[in-house]
Structures are given as C-alpha cells and as structure tokens.
Protein backbone atom coordinates (compact mmCIF):
# COMPACT_ATOMS: atom_id res chain seq x y z
CA UNK A 1 -18.30 54.40 -219.41
CA UNK A 2 -20.19 52.40 -216.32
CA UNK A 3 -22.90 49.69 -215.76
CA UNK A 4 -25.26 51.66 -213.30
CA UNK A 5 -26.35 50.41 -210.41
CA UNK A 6 -29.99 49.24 -209.14
CA UNK A 7 -31.77 51.15 -206.26
CA UNK A 8 -31.73 48.41 -204.12
CA UNK A 9 -34.47 48.33 -201.80
CA UNK A 10 -33.14 48.43 -198.11
CA UNK A 11 -33.34 45.16 -195.54
CA UNK A 12 -33.10 42.94 -198.71
CA UNK A 13 -29.45 42.25 -198.55
CA UNK A 14 -29.68 42.02 -193.98
CA UNK A 15 -27.99 45.46 -194.10
CA UNK A 16 -28.19 47.59 -197.44
CA UNK A 17 -25.12 48.67 -200.04
CA UNK A 18 -24.05 51.80 -199.21
CA UNK A 19 -24.81 54.83 -200.92
CA UNK A 20 -21.16 55.08 -202.27
CA UNK A 21 -20.70 51.12 -203.03
CA UNK A 22 -18.35 50.54 -205.58
CA UNK A 23 -20.00 49.84 -209.70
CA UNK A 24 -19.38 46.66 -210.90
CA UNK A 25 -16.23 45.22 -212.64
CA UNK A 26 -13.83 48.57 -211.21
CA UNK A 27 -10.61 48.57 -208.85
CA UNK A 28 -13.09 49.11 -205.46
CA UNK A 29 -15.13 46.36 -206.87
CA UNK A 30 -12.26 44.04 -206.74
CA UNK A 31 -11.02 45.51 -203.31
CA UNK A 32 -14.75 44.43 -201.55
CA UNK A 33 -14.27 40.50 -203.83
CA UNK A 34 -10.86 40.31 -202.05
CA UNK A 35 -12.32 40.52 -198.47
CA UNK A 36 -14.62 38.16 -198.50
CA UNK A 37 -14.49 35.27 -196.20
CA UNK A 38 -16.99 32.97 -197.90
CA UNK A 39 -18.75 33.15 -201.33
CA UNK A 40 -21.64 33.53 -200.72
CA UNK A 41 -20.48 37.43 -198.60
CA UNK A 42 -18.17 37.13 -202.33
CA UNK A 43 -22.19 36.62 -204.23
CA UNK A 44 -23.34 39.49 -201.94
CA UNK A 45 -20.41 42.31 -203.48
CA UNK A 46 -22.27 41.16 -206.70
CA UNK A 47 -25.32 42.09 -205.88
CA UNK A 48 -24.70 45.37 -203.53
CA UNK A 49 -23.39 46.28 -207.52
CA UNK A 50 -25.97 45.51 -209.13
CA UNK A 51 -24.88 41.87 -210.54
CA UNK A 52 -27.03 39.07 -210.47
CA UNK A 53 -25.31 36.31 -210.02
CA UNK A 54 -26.34 32.13 -209.09
CA UNK A 55 -24.80 29.67 -207.44
CA UNK A 56 -22.94 26.86 -209.58
CA UNK A 57 -21.12 23.16 -208.71
CA UNK A 58 -17.75 22.59 -209.25
CA UNK A 59 -18.39 21.60 -213.14
CA UNK A 60 -20.06 24.96 -213.70
CA UNK A 61 -22.99 23.20 -214.06
CA UNK A 62 -26.31 25.31 -211.79
CA UNK A 63 -26.90 24.58 -209.14
CA UNK A 64 -30.45 25.92 -208.37
CA UNK A 65 -33.98 25.11 -211.68
CA UNK A 66 -33.76 27.62 -214.15
CA UNK A 67 -30.45 28.25 -213.73
CA UNK A 68 -28.69 31.92 -214.91
CA UNK A 69 -32.91 32.20 -215.43
CA UNK A 70 -33.40 32.89 -212.40
CA UNK A 71 -30.32 34.75 -210.83
CA UNK A 72 -30.99 37.18 -208.19
CA UNK A 73 -29.92 40.49 -206.52
CA UNK A 74 -32.06 39.66 -203.56
CA UNK A 75 -29.88 38.93 -200.61
CA UNK A 76 -32.12 36.57 -198.64
CA UNK A 77 -32.38 34.05 -201.71
CA UNK A 78 -29.28 34.50 -202.20
CA UNK A 79 -27.78 33.56 -198.48
CA UNK A 80 -30.28 30.77 -198.93
CA UNK A 81 -28.42 29.31 -201.37
CA UNK A 82 -25.43 28.97 -200.13
CA UNK A 83 -26.37 27.99 -198.01
CA UNK A 84 -27.86 25.16 -198.99
CA UNK A 85 -24.23 25.03 -201.44
CA UNK A 86 -21.79 26.50 -199.36
CA UNK A 87 -18.57 27.45 -201.42
CA UNK A 88 -20.47 27.48 -204.21
CA UNK A 89 -19.31 28.96 -207.45
CA UNK A 90 -20.59 31.87 -208.66
CA UNK A 91 -22.29 32.20 -211.81
CA UNK A 92 -22.35 35.95 -213.87
CA UNK A 93 -25.74 35.99 -216.88
CA UNK A 94 -23.50 37.32 -219.29
CA UNK A 95 -25.67 39.31 -222.97
CA UNK A 96 -27.83 42.48 -220.82
CA UNK A 97 -25.07 45.02 -220.01
CA UNK A 98 -22.16 42.98 -220.26
CA UNK A 99 -20.53 40.21 -222.30
CA UNK A 100 -17.46 38.30 -222.06
CA UNK A 101 -14.45 37.28 -224.37
CA UNK A 102 -13.24 33.43 -223.76
CA UNK A 103 -9.89 32.21 -224.70
CA UNK A 104 -10.32 28.74 -223.48
CA UNK A 105 -6.85 26.45 -222.97
CA UNK A 106 -3.55 26.11 -225.22
CA UNK A 107 -5.38 26.86 -228.87
CA UNK A 108 -7.86 29.63 -226.88
CA UNK A 109 -4.28 31.88 -226.80
CA UNK A 110 -2.79 31.47 -229.15
CA UNK A 111 -5.87 31.61 -231.93
CA UNK A 112 -6.25 35.50 -229.58
CA UNK A 113 -2.15 36.13 -229.77
CA UNK A 114 -2.93 35.87 -234.14
CA UNK A 115 -6.27 37.94 -233.57
CA UNK A 116 -3.23 41.01 -231.14
CA UNK A 117 -1.17 40.93 -234.40
CA UNK A 118 -3.87 41.40 -237.37
CA UNK A 119 -6.71 43.87 -235.47
CA UNK A 120 -3.71 45.62 -232.37
CA UNK A 121 -3.94 44.67 -228.43
CA UNK A 122 -7.65 45.13 -226.98
CA UNK A 123 -7.93 48.36 -224.67
CA UNK A 124 -7.79 47.79 -221.00
CA UNK A 125 -10.77 46.36 -218.87
CA UNK A 126 -11.78 43.92 -216.53
CA UNK A 127 -10.08 40.51 -216.91
CA UNK A 128 -10.17 37.41 -215.29
CA UNK A 129 -7.68 34.47 -215.67
CA UNK A 130 -9.62 31.17 -215.11
CA UNK A 131 -8.25 27.92 -214.58
CA UNK A 132 -8.22 27.06 -218.51
CA UNK A 133 -7.65 30.50 -219.98
CA UNK A 134 -8.40 34.04 -219.98
CA UNK A 135 -11.87 36.64 -218.83
CA UNK A 136 -12.04 40.11 -221.20
CA UNK A 137 -15.53 41.93 -219.78
CA UNK A 138 -16.73 44.44 -221.99
CA UNK A 139 -20.14 47.05 -221.91
CA UNK A 140 -22.77 46.25 -224.47
CA UNK A 141 -22.38 48.76 -227.69
CA UNK A 142 -24.35 51.68 -227.16
CA UNK A 143 -26.83 50.27 -229.76
CA UNK A 144 -27.35 47.82 -227.20
CA UNK A 145 -26.54 44.76 -229.51
CA UNK A 146 -24.10 42.67 -227.79
CA UNK A 147 -23.35 39.20 -229.31
CA UNK A 148 -25.31 36.08 -228.79
CA UNK A 149 -23.47 33.90 -226.93
CA UNK A 150 -20.72 31.10 -229.63
CA UNK A 151 -17.81 28.60 -229.50
CA UNK A 152 -15.25 28.77 -232.00
CA UNK A 153 -16.64 31.01 -234.68
CA UNK A 154 -14.65 34.48 -233.94
CA UNK A 155 -11.63 31.15 -234.39
CA UNK A 156 -11.09 27.91 -233.10
CA UNK A 157 -11.28 28.36 -229.18
CA UNK A 158 -11.97 31.57 -228.60
CA UNK A 159 -15.96 31.58 -227.48
CA UNK A 160 -18.07 34.17 -226.58
CA UNK A 161 -20.81 34.81 -223.56
CA UNK A 162 -23.13 36.64 -224.17
CA UNK A 163 -27.37 36.70 -224.90
CA UNK A 164 -28.80 33.42 -223.52
CA UNK A 165 -24.83 32.00 -221.59
CA UNK A 166 -23.15 32.69 -217.97
CA UNK A 167 -19.80 32.86 -216.56
CA UNK A 168 -17.85 32.13 -213.53
CA UNK A 169 -16.54 34.77 -211.13
CA UNK A 170 -13.84 35.57 -209.17
CA UNK A 171 -13.15 34.66 -206.22
CA UNK A 172 -14.56 31.26 -206.95
CA UNK A 173 -12.87 28.22 -206.76
CA UNK A 174 -13.05 24.49 -208.76
CA UNK A 175 -12.72 21.30 -207.23
CA UNK A 176 -9.02 21.39 -207.58
CA UNK A 177 -8.22 24.78 -205.91
CA UNK A 178 -7.87 26.47 -208.99
CA UNK A 179 -9.25 29.99 -208.61
CA UNK A 180 -10.52 32.45 -211.35
CA UNK A 181 -9.06 35.32 -209.97
CA UNK A 182 -9.20 38.68 -211.52
CA UNK A 183 -5.42 40.12 -213.43
CA UNK A 184 -6.58 43.50 -214.58
CA UNK A 185 -9.25 45.80 -213.11
CA UNK A 186 -8.93 48.71 -215.45
CA UNK A 187 -12.72 49.88 -215.36
CA UNK A 188 -14.89 47.87 -218.17
CA UNK A 189 -14.64 49.13 -221.65
CA UNK A 190 -16.81 49.05 -225.40
CA UNK A 191 -14.89 46.31 -227.61
CA UNK A 192 -12.81 47.54 -230.14
CA UNK A 193 -15.25 47.44 -233.93
CA UNK A 194 -12.40 44.64 -235.49
CA UNK A 195 -13.72 42.18 -232.70
CA UNK A 196 -17.08 43.31 -231.86
CA UNK A 197 -18.15 43.10 -235.70
CA UNK A 198 -16.59 39.38 -235.13
CA UNK A 199 -18.31 38.69 -232.17
CA UNK A 200 -21.43 39.42 -233.81
CA UNK A 201 -21.35 37.85 -237.21
CA UNK A 202 -23.72 35.33 -237.87
CA UNK A 203 -22.31 31.65 -239.05
CA UNK A 204 -22.68 31.17 -242.07
CA UNK A 205 -24.93 28.54 -244.62
CA UNK A 206 -22.96 25.80 -245.47
CA UNK A 207 -23.42 26.54 -249.35
CA UNK A 208 -25.26 23.59 -251.43
CA UNK A 209 -23.26 21.48 -253.10
CA UNK A 210 -23.11 21.64 -256.65
CA UNK A 211 -23.82 18.50 -258.77
CA UNK A 212 -21.95 16.22 -259.84
CA UNK A 213 -21.44 14.62 -263.11
CA UNK A 214 -20.43 11.02 -262.61
CA UNK A 215 -16.99 10.27 -262.97
CA UNK A 216 -14.54 10.55 -266.72
CA UNK A 217 -18.23 12.01 -267.85
CA UNK A 218 -18.58 15.47 -269.27
CA UNK A 219 -21.47 17.09 -268.21
CA UNK A 220 -24.61 16.38 -271.11
CA UNK A 221 -25.19 19.17 -273.21
CA UNK A 222 -27.61 16.95 -275.24
CA UNK A 223 -29.31 13.70 -275.21
CA UNK A 224 -28.16 10.46 -276.55
CA UNK A 225 -30.49 9.69 -279.24
CA UNK A 226 -31.47 6.36 -276.65
CA UNK A 227 -32.02 7.72 -273.84
CA UNK A 228 -33.55 10.37 -276.02
CA UNK A 229 -36.44 8.01 -277.93
CA UNK A 230 -36.75 6.48 -274.49
CA UNK A 231 -38.23 9.54 -272.81
CA UNK A 232 -40.69 9.60 -275.66
CA UNK A 233 -41.75 6.42 -275.94
CA UNK A 234 -42.28 6.80 -271.58
CA UNK A 235 -43.84 10.08 -271.90
CA UNK A 236 -45.61 8.78 -274.19
CA UNK A 237 -47.32 5.96 -272.48
CA UNK A 238 -48.92 8.75 -269.50
CA UNK A 239 -50.34 11.20 -271.49
CA UNK A 240 -51.98 8.58 -273.99
CA UNK A 241 -53.74 7.22 -270.32
CA UNK A 242 -57.66 7.39 -270.70
CA UNK A 243 -57.96 9.86 -266.94
CA UNK A 244 -58.56 6.98 -263.91
CA UNK A 245 -56.36 8.20 -261.25
CA UNK A 246 -55.11 4.37 -260.55
CA UNK A 247 -54.09 3.53 -264.12
CA UNK A 248 -52.73 6.85 -264.57
CA UNK A 249 -50.46 6.52 -260.70
CA UNK A 250 -49.33 3.16 -262.71
CA UNK A 251 -48.12 3.99 -265.41
CA UNK A 252 -46.45 7.60 -264.10
CA UNK A 253 -44.78 5.89 -261.96
CA UNK A 254 -43.40 2.66 -263.78
CA UNK A 255 -42.32 5.16 -267.26
CA UNK A 256 -40.68 7.24 -264.47
CA UNK A 257 -39.05 4.17 -262.40
CA UNK A 258 -37.93 3.21 -265.32
CA UNK A 259 -36.06 6.33 -266.93
CA UNK A 260 -34.26 7.14 -263.15
CA UNK A 261 -31.81 4.80 -264.25
CA UNK A 262 -30.44 7.20 -266.72
CA UNK A 263 -30.88 10.20 -264.17
CA UNK A 264 -28.33 7.68 -261.34
CA UNK A 265 -25.62 7.40 -264.89
CA UNK A 266 -26.19 11.90 -265.72
CA UNK A 267 -26.96 10.74 -269.29
CA UNK A 268 -31.19 12.53 -268.31
CA UNK A 269 -31.01 15.34 -266.37
CA UNK A 270 -33.16 14.61 -263.41
CA UNK A 271 -35.20 18.27 -264.63
CA UNK A 272 -36.20 17.55 -267.64
CA UNK A 273 -37.29 13.80 -266.82
CA UNK A 274 -39.22 15.94 -264.08
CA UNK A 275 -40.64 18.29 -266.97
CA UNK A 276 -41.60 16.31 -269.05
CA UNK A 277 -43.05 13.62 -266.67
CA UNK A 278 -45.52 16.48 -265.67
CA UNK A 279 -46.19 17.57 -269.32
CA UNK A 280 -47.62 14.93 -270.01
CA UNK A 281 -49.12 13.90 -266.72
CA UNK A 282 -51.11 16.86 -267.06
CA UNK A 283 -52.32 16.25 -270.84
CA UNK A 284 -53.22 12.80 -269.17
CA UNK A 285 -55.89 14.23 -267.15
CA UNK A 286 -55.68 18.41 -267.82
CA UNK A 287 -58.92 19.23 -266.10
CA UNK A 288 -57.57 17.13 -262.61
CA UNK A 289 -54.11 17.74 -262.20
CA UNK A 290 -52.82 17.08 -258.50
CA UNK A 291 -49.74 18.77 -258.20
CA UNK A 292 -48.71 17.07 -255.27
CA UNK A 293 -50.06 13.66 -255.96
CA UNK A 294 -47.71 14.39 -259.45
CA UNK A 295 -44.88 15.41 -257.38
CA UNK A 296 -45.33 12.24 -254.57
CA UNK A 297 -45.23 9.72 -257.36
CA UNK A 298 -42.45 11.46 -259.35
CA UNK A 299 -40.38 11.62 -255.70
CA UNK A 300 -40.97 7.54 -255.21
CA UNK A 301 -40.78 6.28 -258.51
CA UNK A 302 -37.58 8.89 -259.24
CA UNK A 303 -35.86 7.36 -255.39
CA UNK A 304 -37.00 3.47 -256.77
CA UNK A 305 -34.94 4.19 -260.36
CA UNK A 306 -31.94 5.60 -258.99
CA UNK A 307 -31.20 2.27 -257.62
CA UNK A 308 -30.97 0.27 -260.86
CA UNK A 309 -28.28 2.63 -263.04
CA UNK A 310 -28.46 1.94 -266.95
CA UNK A 311 -25.92 2.11 -269.53
CA UNK A 312 -26.65 2.90 -273.51
CA UNK A 313 -26.38 -0.97 -274.99
CA UNK A 314 -24.05 -1.22 -277.47
CA UNK A 315 -25.07 -1.21 -280.82
CA UNK A 316 -29.07 -1.24 -279.59
CA UNK A 317 -31.84 1.30 -281.07
CA UNK A 318 -34.83 1.32 -278.34
CA UNK A 319 -37.19 -1.05 -278.33
CA UNK A 320 -39.62 -0.10 -275.00
CA UNK A 321 -39.01 -3.52 -274.13
CA UNK A 322 -36.68 -2.73 -271.10
CA UNK A 323 -37.73 -4.59 -267.47
CA UNK A 324 -40.69 -2.54 -265.03
CA UNK A 325 -39.05 -1.26 -261.95
CA UNK A 326 -40.51 -2.97 -258.73
C-alpha cells in the first residue's frame, strides 16, 4: 500500500517536484532527506512527497500560531516559516493517512518487549529513532478508522500519535544535538490487527464504587425498632402539615436532617429515607407537588444531617424529643 501523493501546483516550491519524485516514507524518500543541507530543504522534501509539515522549536512545541492545524505543503509558506525559524525541527501531523506508535524511554522499550513476546513482532515499516525512543509509522487502515492520540493506554511508555497529534520528523535535531534518524526504510504498512485493536480501544470508564457499610457493622437487612419508630414519627410530621409552602419545607428539612444521622451510621438506607419522605411530602400537598423543590430540600437536609452520625441510645425507646438540626 502506498500513500497517495497529491498533485502539486508548479511554482509553489520555487521549482516543482519532478514527476518521478519518491513517495513518502520509502527508501528513496529517505535518500532525498539525507541529501538535504538545511532543515528547510528537508521540509520541502516532505512537501514534495505530499506530506504537510510545520516548524517546531527545541521543546517540540509549534513555532507558528495554530500549530499542526496550519501545516502545509506550500513551498513559499515553508520557506517563509523556516526563514524566520532557521534550523527549526519538522513537525509532521498524524491521523490522516498514517499514525505513529511512539515508544517513550526505557519504560516504553520494556513494555514493547512484553507486547512483542505476547503478540509477535511488528511487521517491517518506516521507523525512526528519537532522542527518547522509537517511532513506528503505520498506514491508516482501509476502513479509515485510525486511532486517536493516547498516552500510556496500550502499555506504560507506549503512546499513540493519531488524530489530533503530530510527531517530530527526521532529520530534525534538538537543542542537545540529538537527531531523529531513520532506522528502517521499509515502506510504510498497516499495523497488525492486535495493535490496531489496542490503539483504537477507548479508555474504560471507572466503575462506580459500591456503597460501603460502616466498618464492623453488617449490611442492613431490616430497620432497628428505634430507627423504624423515628422514621414513622418524622414522616407523620411531614404528612400532617397544612399545605403552606414555608412550613412544609421547614418540616421536610428538619425531619430529613433528624434522620440523616442514621444514614451516616448505616442504620437507615438513604433510598428508604428518600422514598418515605417523598411519599409523606406528596400527601402534604398532592395538588402542587414540585419534584425539584423536594429534591433540593432533601439533598440539603441529608448533607447537613449526615455531618452528625447517630447511634441507637442504650435502653431508650424513641420518644420524638431528639434535638433538631440547624
């Protein structure tokens, strides 16, 4: 498979690319890069091969406004950019016709060895050594579904440069004199299925933590008589109020706040308190029940009451005289 080189308009590069100019990421393309004296010449080689590029600084950050989104194959623009930023490294956007597997440091190398042992070696493809590791270039698969950028999702130190990303291309050189060098001039190819699956996999959403009962207390199966009596009494207070908004909201708050201390100690399930409170509140004013009003008051009261966990007093039946919440 080959990258399709777009037709370049004569004059854009000062002298147009010859008709037999090599395709990108091939042995002939590498020889063209090696023959370049200045970095602007290498940038033009990329452009002649139909690969858009842009200048980057020693920190690998773009030197132009818009970054990789402004990358181009237009020679006069590239000459202007590299005229302003002589020796700038070459930024190569990824995610169009190709993507890059980026091994970062010793961690990435170790992870790559583990992956290779499990799945087998990668096929020969255009490969670049970087100051910190290696870049393996792969064609976007025939279905057009190339991977997105990711860091460490495949394995520690194994990154993907795909849609929305870029890499530094050879023969760029950083501030320490370390170069990006082509180590395998094999024509760029499609990644094996196992690697594509790993590269395209979405990050798993973390599972919601299961509710934890209070340490030392088994999960609740039925209400303690003291808690059941307290719940019944407070619900009767809510349901028995005249339908005046100010009083009914105050009573709902006080009653829920009173009982929320038992929620904090796992003596009363929050769902049970919510169900009972809503039922009582509806009975208080069946014709103008406002779900948002109830939910807001309930949430405020629950948060306030849970700040004061409550236990069951020893040898004391519920008498309805506990302190009110503030």
